[in-house]
Amino acid sequence: MLLTAQERLVLALDVDSLEKAEELVDKLSNYVGVFKIGSQLFTAEGPKVVEMVNQKGGKVFLDLKFHDIPNTVAGAAEAATELGVYIFDVHASGGAEMMRSAVEASKRISLTSGKRRSLILGVTILTSLNQEILEKELGITARVEEQVRRLAKLAQAAGLDGVTASSWEIAEIRKACGRDFIILTPGIRPAGKSFGDQKRIMTPQEAIKLGADFLVIGRPITEASDPVEATKKILKEMEGD
């Protein structure tokens, strides 16, 4: 995807109220391409927070990582598309049938409602996981890169638009799925910032050079004393300045 730095930047609205989210959207809508609404904020405030971002002209990534039986995920995909979200995600580990159900449901609602079909991404391996956790806790013996590639190929075959994956696996995904397959990368930390609870991270410039389409950044902006200035610095870093 040919996108500007601003269009690539996804701000994680990991706050606990509509008021806090609206304050960030008002401050940063001129600098951020997409606003990510995750489990904390959506559970606290529901669809009205999506409507707030849409009404202000922003784009929404609804990051609820749907993972259930195909019929249930299809219903969630219908609801997300009806809400007018730009992107939503499902766990690729839910299997091909589940992912196909999400795609078909989103297309169906788009046709009947006239709303744009949401981009659907498959979550591969969370950036809070590493090889040790994968093997010792989850019993998955494949290398992280191999498991991510397998799930990305499965997501592509099921009709998804792309995946969410660590920037460390971008090269593997590009080789397996091609240049037009969308890659959204969480676990991005500007140079010099704390890793927090992320295990597999990179800087914005590194991820862009590897071919990431969208970068998710949260705390380095939302916890900054001056979120606007922090965002401007990140945009410059993404542009290689």
Protein backbone atom coordinates (compact mmCIF):
# COMPACT_ATOMS: atom_id res chain seq x y z
CA MET A 1 0.00 0.00 0.00
CA LEU A 2 1.27 3.46 -0.89
CA LEU A 3 0.60 5.42 2.26
CA THR A 4 1.96 8.56 3.87
CA ALA A 5 3.54 8.38 7.31
CA GLN A 6 0.37 9.85 8.81
CA GLU A 7 -1.85 7.28 7.06
CA ARG A 8 0.37 4.48 8.37
CA LEU A 9 0.28 5.64 11.98
CA VAL A 10 -2.27 3.85 14.16
CA LEU A 11 -2.75 5.33 17.63
CA ALA A 12 -3.78 2.87 20.33
CA LEU A 13 -6.53 4.51 22.37
CA ASP A 14 -5.77 2.35 25.40
CA VAL A 15 -7.70 4.55 27.82
CA ASP A 16 -10.70 3.78 30.00
CA SER A 17 -13.28 6.39 29.03
CA LEU A 18 -14.94 8.11 26.10
CA GLU A 19 -13.82 11.48 27.45
CA LYS A 20 -10.13 10.54 27.46
CA ALA A 21 -10.43 9.00 24.01
CA GLU A 22 -12.19 12.05 22.61
CA GLU A 23 -9.52 14.34 24.03
CA LEU A 24 -6.81 12.37 22.23
CA VAL A 25 -8.76 12.26 18.97
CA ASP A 26 -9.33 16.01 19.09
CA LYS A 27 -5.64 16.66 19.71
CA LEU A 28 -4.21 14.19 17.22
CA SER A 29 -6.65 13.76 14.34
CA ASN A 30 -4.46 15.96 12.12
CA TYR A 31 -1.44 13.72 12.72
CA VAL A 32 -2.82 10.17 13.06
CA GLY A 33 -4.29 8.08 10.25
CA VAL A 34 -6.16 5.45 12.28
CA PHE A 35 -7.34 5.19 15.89
CA LYS A 36 -7.21 1.74 17.48
CA ILE A 37 -10.05 0.87 19.84
CA GLY A 38 -9.21 -2.20 21.87
CA SER A 39 -10.83 -4.36 24.52
CA GLN A 40 -10.46 -1.96 27.45
CA LEU A 41 -12.08 1.05 25.81
CA PHE A 42 -14.73 -0.88 23.89
CA THR A 43 -15.77 -2.83 26.98
CA ALA A 44 -16.03 0.41 28.97
CA GLU A 45 -17.85 2.50 26.38
CA GLY A 46 -19.18 0.26 23.61
CA PRO A 47 -20.04 1.30 20.03
CA LYS A 48 -20.40 4.98 20.91
CA VAL A 49 -16.62 5.37 20.98
CA VAL A 50 -16.43 4.06 17.40
CA GLU A 51 -19.19 6.46 16.42
CA MET A 52 -17.31 9.33 18.07
CA VAL A 53 -14.17 8.70 16.00
CA ASN A 54 -16.17 8.28 12.80
CA GLN A 55 -18.13 11.47 13.42
CA LYS A 56 -14.87 13.38 13.81
CA GLY A 57 -13.67 12.09 10.45
CA GLY A 58 -11.22 9.54 11.85
CA LYS A 59 -10.72 5.92 10.84
CA VAL A 60 -11.17 3.11 13.36
CA PHE A 61 -9.22 -0.10 13.83
CA LEU A 62 -11.48 -2.21 16.05
CA ASP A 63 -8.94 -4.42 17.77
CA LEU A 64 -11.10 -7.03 19.50
CA LYS A 65 -9.33 -10.07 18.03
CA PHE A 66 -12.47 -12.13 17.40
CA HIS A 67 -11.87 -15.83 18.13
CA ASP A 68 -14.89 -18.12 18.39
CA ILE A 69 -16.95 -20.57 16.39
CA PRO A 70 -17.52 -19.43 12.76
CA ASN A 71 -21.16 -18.40 13.24
CA THR A 72 -20.35 -16.22 16.24
CA VAL A 73 -17.42 -14.54 14.50
CA ALA A 74 -19.60 -13.95 11.43
CA GLY A 75 -22.06 -12.09 13.63
CA ALA A 76 -19.27 -9.99 15.12
CA ALA A 77 -17.95 -9.23 11.63
CA GLU A 78 -21.41 -8.07 10.55
CA ALA A 79 -21.65 -5.78 13.57
CA ALA A 80 -18.17 -4.33 13.03
CA THR A 81 -18.88 -3.63 9.36
CA GLU A 82 -22.22 -2.07 10.23
CA LEU A 83 -20.40 0.23 12.67
CA GLY A 84 -18.28 1.47 9.78
CA VAL A 85 -14.88 0.48 11.12
CA TYR A 86 -11.95 0.76 8.72
CA ILE A 87 -10.18 -2.36 10.04
CA PHE A 88 -11.03 -5.16 12.43
CA ASP A 89 -9.15 -8.32 13.32
CA VAL A 90 -9.70 -12.00 14.06
CA HIS A 91 -7.33 -14.61 15.45
CA ALA A 92 -5.86 -16.58 12.55
CA SER A 93 -5.52 -19.52 14.93
CA GLY A 94 -9.32 -19.77 14.85
CA GLY A 95 -8.94 -21.57 11.53
CA ALA A 96 -9.82 -21.07 7.88
CA GLU A 97 -13.57 -21.63 8.21
CA MET A 98 -13.85 -19.01 10.94
CA MET A 99 -11.87 -16.48 8.90
CA ARG A 100 -13.88 -17.14 5.73
CA SER A 101 -17.08 -16.64 7.71
CA ALA A 102 -15.86 -13.21 8.81
CA VAL A 103 -15.00 -12.19 5.24
CA GLU A 104 -18.32 -13.41 3.82
CA ALA A 105 -20.31 -11.70 6.57
CA SER A 106 -18.51 -8.38 6.11
CA LYS A 107 -19.07 -8.52 2.33
CA ARG A 108 -22.74 -9.32 2.83
CA ILE A 109 -23.35 -6.38 5.17
CA SER A 110 -21.38 -4.08 2.89
CA LEU A 111 -23.59 -5.00 -0.07
CA THR A 112 -26.87 -4.65 1.80
CA SER A 113 -26.01 -1.49 3.74
CA GLY A 114 -23.92 0.32 1.15
CA LYS A 115 -21.13 0.75 3.67
CA ARG A 116 -17.52 0.10 2.74
CA ARG A 117 -16.32 -3.40 3.61
CA SER A 118 -13.89 -3.33 6.50
CA LEU A 119 -10.35 -4.53 6.00
CA ILE A 120 -9.97 -7.77 7.96
CA LEU A 121 -6.63 -8.78 9.46
CA GLY A 122 -5.59 -12.06 11.04
CA VAL A 123 -3.73 -11.94 14.34
CA THR A 124 -0.71 -14.25 14.14
CA ILE A 125 1.45 -14.38 17.30
CA LEU A 126 1.02 -11.66 19.91
CA THR A 127 4.08 -9.46 20.39
CA SER A 128 3.97 -10.21 24.13
CA LEU A 129 4.93 -13.82 23.31
CA ASN A 130 8.39 -15.17 22.52
CA GLN A 131 9.88 -18.55 21.63
CA GLU A 132 10.12 -19.71 25.24
CA ILE A 133 6.46 -18.96 25.97
CA LEU A 134 5.38 -20.54 22.70
CA GLU A 135 7.16 -23.80 23.52
CA LYS A 136 6.90 -24.13 27.31
CA GLU A 137 3.42 -22.71 27.87
CA LEU A 138 1.55 -23.27 24.61
CA GLY A 139 3.25 -26.46 23.41
CA ILE A 140 4.02 -25.05 19.95
CA THR A 141 7.43 -26.34 18.87
CA ALA A 142 7.68 -24.40 15.60
CA ARG A 143 9.88 -21.35 15.51
CA VAL A 144 7.95 -18.10 15.97
CA GLU A 145 8.74 -17.12 12.37
CA GLU A 146 7.48 -20.46 11.04
CA GLN A 147 4.24 -20.26 13.00
CA VAL A 148 3.63 -16.68 11.87
CA ARG A 149 4.25 -17.63 8.24
CA ARG A 150 1.89 -20.59 8.51
CA LEU A 151 -0.89 -18.46 10.00
CA ALA A 152 -0.33 -15.66 7.46
CA LYS A 153 -0.65 -18.06 4.54
CA LEU A 154 -3.79 -19.54 6.11
CA ALA A 155 -5.28 -16.05 6.53
CA GLN A 156 -4.50 -15.14 2.93
CA ALA A 157 -6.05 -18.37 1.64
CA ALA A 158 -9.18 -17.64 3.68
CA GLY A 159 -9.57 -14.25 1.97
CA LEU A 160 -8.30 -11.89 4.67
CA ASP A 161 -6.68 -8.62 3.61
CA GLY A 162 -3.60 -9.06 5.76
CA VAL A 163 -2.27 -9.87 9.20
CA THR A 164 -1.16 -8.35 12.45
CA ALA A 165 2.38 -9.47 13.21
CA SER A 166 5.60 -8.37 14.83
CA SER A 167 7.96 -6.41 12.59
CA TRP A 168 10.48 -9.23 13.13
CA GLU A 169 8.34 -11.45 10.88
CA ILE A 170 7.69 -8.97 8.04
CA ALA A 171 10.29 -10.51 5.72
CA GLU A 172 8.85 -14.02 6.25
CA ILE A 173 5.31 -12.81 5.53
CA ARG A 174 6.32 -10.84 2.44
CA LYS A 175 8.12 -13.87 1.03
CA ALA A 176 5.11 -16.11 1.68
CA CYS A 177 2.23 -13.76 0.85
CA GLY A 178 3.54 -11.03 -1.50
CA ARG A 179 3.68 -7.26 -1.43
CA ASP A 180 -0.06 -6.55 -1.61
CA PHE A 181 -0.85 -8.43 1.61
CA ILE A 182 -1.32 -5.89 4.41
CA ILE A 183 0.96 -6.10 7.44
CA LEU A 184 0.04 -4.15 10.57
CA THR A 185 2.72 -4.18 13.24
CA PRO A 186 2.17 -3.58 16.95
CA GLY A 187 5.08 -3.57 19.37
CA ILE A 188 6.56 -0.40 17.87
CA ARG A 189 8.68 1.74 20.16
CA PRO A 190 10.39 4.98 19.10
CA ALA A 191 14.15 5.00 19.55
CA GLY A 192 15.09 5.23 23.23
CA LYS A 193 11.67 4.26 24.63
CA SER A 194 10.92 1.45 27.10
CA PHE A 195 9.84 -1.95 25.73
CA GLY A 196 7.06 -2.27 28.33
CA ASP A 197 5.43 -5.73 28.15
CA GLN A 198 6.37 -6.28 24.51
CA LYS A 199 8.94 -8.95 23.60
CA ARG A 200 9.43 -8.60 19.83
CA ILE A 201 9.68 -4.89 19.03
CA MET A 202 11.31 -2.47 16.59
CA THR A 203 11.54 1.26 15.99
CA PRO A 204 9.17 2.93 13.49
CA GLN A 205 11.89 3.54 10.93
CA GLU A 206 13.11 -0.07 11.08
CA ALA A 207 9.58 -1.42 10.59
CA ILE A 208 8.87 0.91 7.66
CA LYS A 209 12.10 -0.10 5.93
CA LEU A 210 11.15 -3.76 6.27
CA GLY A 211 7.80 -3.10 4.60
CA ALA A 212 5.19 -2.63 7.31
CA ASP A 213 1.98 -0.98 6.08
CA PHE A 214 0.61 0.19 9.42
CA LEU A 215 2.38 0.83 12.74
CA VAL A 216 0.54 0.72 16.06
CA ILE A 217 1.91 3.05 18.72
CA GLY A 218 0.26 3.78 22.06
CA ARG A 219 1.98 4.67 25.30
CA PRO A 220 4.88 6.65 23.77
CA ILE A 221 2.18 9.08 22.58
CA THR A 222 -0.68 8.76 25.07
CA GLU A 223 1.60 8.95 28.12
CA ALA A 224 3.76 11.76 26.74
CA SER A 225 3.64 15.15 28.45
CA ASP A 226 2.96 16.64 25.00
CA PRO A 227 1.19 14.03 22.81
CA VAL A 228 1.19 16.27 19.73
CA GLU A 229 4.94 16.84 19.86
CA ALA A 230 5.55 13.15 20.53
CA THR A 231 3.46 12.26 17.47
CA LYS A 232 5.31 14.74 15.27
CA LYS A 233 8.65 13.22 16.31
CA ILE A 234 7.38 9.72 15.51
CA LEU A 235 6.17 10.84 12.06
CA LYS A 236 9.61 12.30 11.34
CA GLU A 237 11.21 9.04 12.47
CA MET A 238 8.88 7.08 10.18
CA GLU A 239 9.88 9.32 7.28
CA GLY A 240 13.54 8.72 8.04
CA ASP A 241 14.30 12.29 9.14
